[in-house]
Protein backbone atom coordinates (compact mmCIF):
# COMPACT_ATOMS: atom_id res chain seq x y z
CA UNK A 1 74.47 107.72 104.02
CA UNK A 2 76.47 105.26 101.75
CA UNK A 3 79.28 107.49 101.17
CA UNK A 4 80.50 106.29 104.79
CA UNK A 5 80.94 102.93 103.15
CA UNK A 6 83.74 104.09 100.83
CA UNK A 7 85.41 106.03 103.59
CA UNK A 8 85.37 103.11 106.03
CA UNK A 9 86.40 100.47 103.49
CA UNK A 10 89.29 102.39 102.09
CA UNK A 11 91.87 100.38 103.66
CA UNK A 12 90.34 97.12 102.93
CA UNK A 13 90.22 94.62 100.08
CA UNK A 14 86.78 95.56 99.22
CA UNK A 15 87.55 99.32 98.81
CA UNK A 16 86.77 99.57 94.92
CA UNK A 17 83.66 97.43 95.07
CA UNK A 18 82.37 99.56 98.04
CA UNK A 19 83.07 102.96 96.36
CA UNK A 20 81.20 101.69 93.20
CA UNK A 21 78.19 100.43 95.15
CA UNK A 22 78.14 103.49 97.17
CA UNK A 23 78.10 106.03 94.17
CA UNK A 24 75.18 103.93 92.84
CA UNK A 25 73.23 103.86 96.20
CA UNK A 26 73.57 107.70 96.60
CA UNK A 27 70.91 108.29 94.21
CA UNK A 28 68.55 105.87 95.87
CA UNK A 29 69.06 107.13 99.47
CA UNK A 30 65.16 107.97 99.70
CA UNK A 31 64.09 104.39 98.44
CA UNK A 32 65.63 102.41 101.36
CA UNK A 33 63.84 104.30 104.08
CA UNK A 34 60.54 104.29 102.37
CA UNK A 35 60.82 100.46 101.92
CA UNK A 36 62.08 100.07 105.60
CA UNK A 37 59.26 102.52 107.09
CA UNK A 38 56.69 101.05 104.65
CA UNK A 39 57.19 97.55 105.83
CA UNK A 40 57.38 98.70 109.38
CA UNK A 41 54.27 100.58 108.97
CA UNK A 42 52.28 97.63 107.68
CA UNK A 43 53.83 95.44 110.45
CA UNK A 44 52.68 97.77 113.16
CA UNK A 45 49.35 98.27 111.49
CA UNK A 46 48.56 94.63 111.26
CA UNK A 47 49.98 93.92 114.68
CA UNK A 48 47.75 96.47 116.32
CA UNK A 49 44.78 95.03 114.70
CA UNK A 50 45.64 91.54 115.95
CA UNK A 51 46.27 92.82 119.42
CA UNK A 52 43.15 94.64 119.52
CA UNK A 53 41.00 91.96 118.42
CA UNK A 54 42.66 89.56 120.84
CA UNK A 55 41.97 91.92 123.60
CA UNK A 56 38.48 92.52 122.44
CA UNK A 57 37.52 88.88 122.16
CA UNK A 58 39.10 87.90 125.29
CA UNK A 59 37.17 90.39 127.32
CA UNK A 60 33.93 89.48 125.37
CA UNK A 61 34.10 85.95 125.62
CA UNK A 62 35.69 85.43 128.87
CA UNK A 63 34.53 82.40 130.67
CA UNK A 64 32.84 83.09 134.00
CA UNK A 65 31.45 79.62 134.51
CA UNK A 66 34.21 76.98 133.76
CA UNK A 67 31.64 74.04 132.81
CA UNK A 68 30.67 75.32 129.33
CA UNK A 69 31.20 73.19 126.29
CA UNK A 70 31.30 75.04 122.82
CA UNK A 71 29.36 74.05 119.92
CA UNK A 72 31.13 72.34 117.13
CA UNK A 73 32.67 74.76 114.52
CA UNK A 74 32.10 74.23 110.74
CA UNK A 75 34.33 76.06 108.39
CA UNK A 76 33.27 79.03 106.08
CA UNK A 77 35.13 78.87 102.83
CA UNK A 78 35.19 82.74 102.06
CA UNK A 79 36.71 83.25 105.49
CA UNK A 80 39.29 80.64 104.93
CA UNK A 81 40.39 81.91 101.57
CA UNK A 82 40.31 85.55 102.71
CA UNK A 83 42.68 85.10 105.48
CA UNK A 84 45.05 82.85 103.31
CA UNK A 85 44.90 85.10 100.22
CA UNK A 86 45.15 88.55 101.73
CA UNK A 87 48.26 88.01 103.69
CA UNK A 88 49.77 86.16 100.76
CA UNK A 89 49.10 89.28 98.30
CA UNK A 90 50.59 91.52 100.86
CA UNK A 91 53.75 89.44 101.21
CA UNK A 92 53.95 89.20 97.37
CA UNK A 93 53.67 93.01 97.00
CA UNK A 94 56.47 93.50 99.61
CA UNK A 95 58.57 90.92 97.81
CA UNK A 96 58.04 92.86 94.26
CA UNK A 97 58.95 96.25 96.06
CA UNK A 98 62.01 94.88 97.71
CA UNK A 99 63.20 93.16 94.53
CA UNK A 100 62.61 96.20 92.50
CA UNK A 101 64.93 98.03 94.85
CA UNK A 102 67.43 95.04 94.92
CA UNK A 103 67.70 94.99 90.99
CA UNK A 104 68.06 98.54 90.68
CA UNK A 105 71.21 98.56 93.01
CA UNK A 106 72.74 95.24 91.77
CA UNK A 107 75.44 95.59 89.16
CA UNK A 108 74.29 95.48 85.73
CA UNK A 109 77.09 93.29 84.46
CA UNK A 110 77.56 90.08 86.51
CA UNK A 111 79.40 88.23 83.76
CA UNK A 112 82.95 86.69 85.12
CA UNK A 113 85.96 88.19 83.70
């Protein structure tokens, strides 16, 4: 997959850097699709859940009589914390996963010459 980078860039200024990156990435070819499809699967999963709930509640609570007024809403702290903290921890886990992949493919010696 990444060997094509070296072939394409052989006539460019970045040929040497591209070849070095391609050789490092070839051993990690299985990680990038895992990361991509993992994030894609989580996104699809939560999108389907949200769409399902929206459709369900739109049907359940549709307003046949237009003159109804709803009751005042009072917050519930566990619910507020739940829908704030769960996406936060999911986002942090994706960040850690992607950072581990990035740090593995990043050059180890980045000191200026």
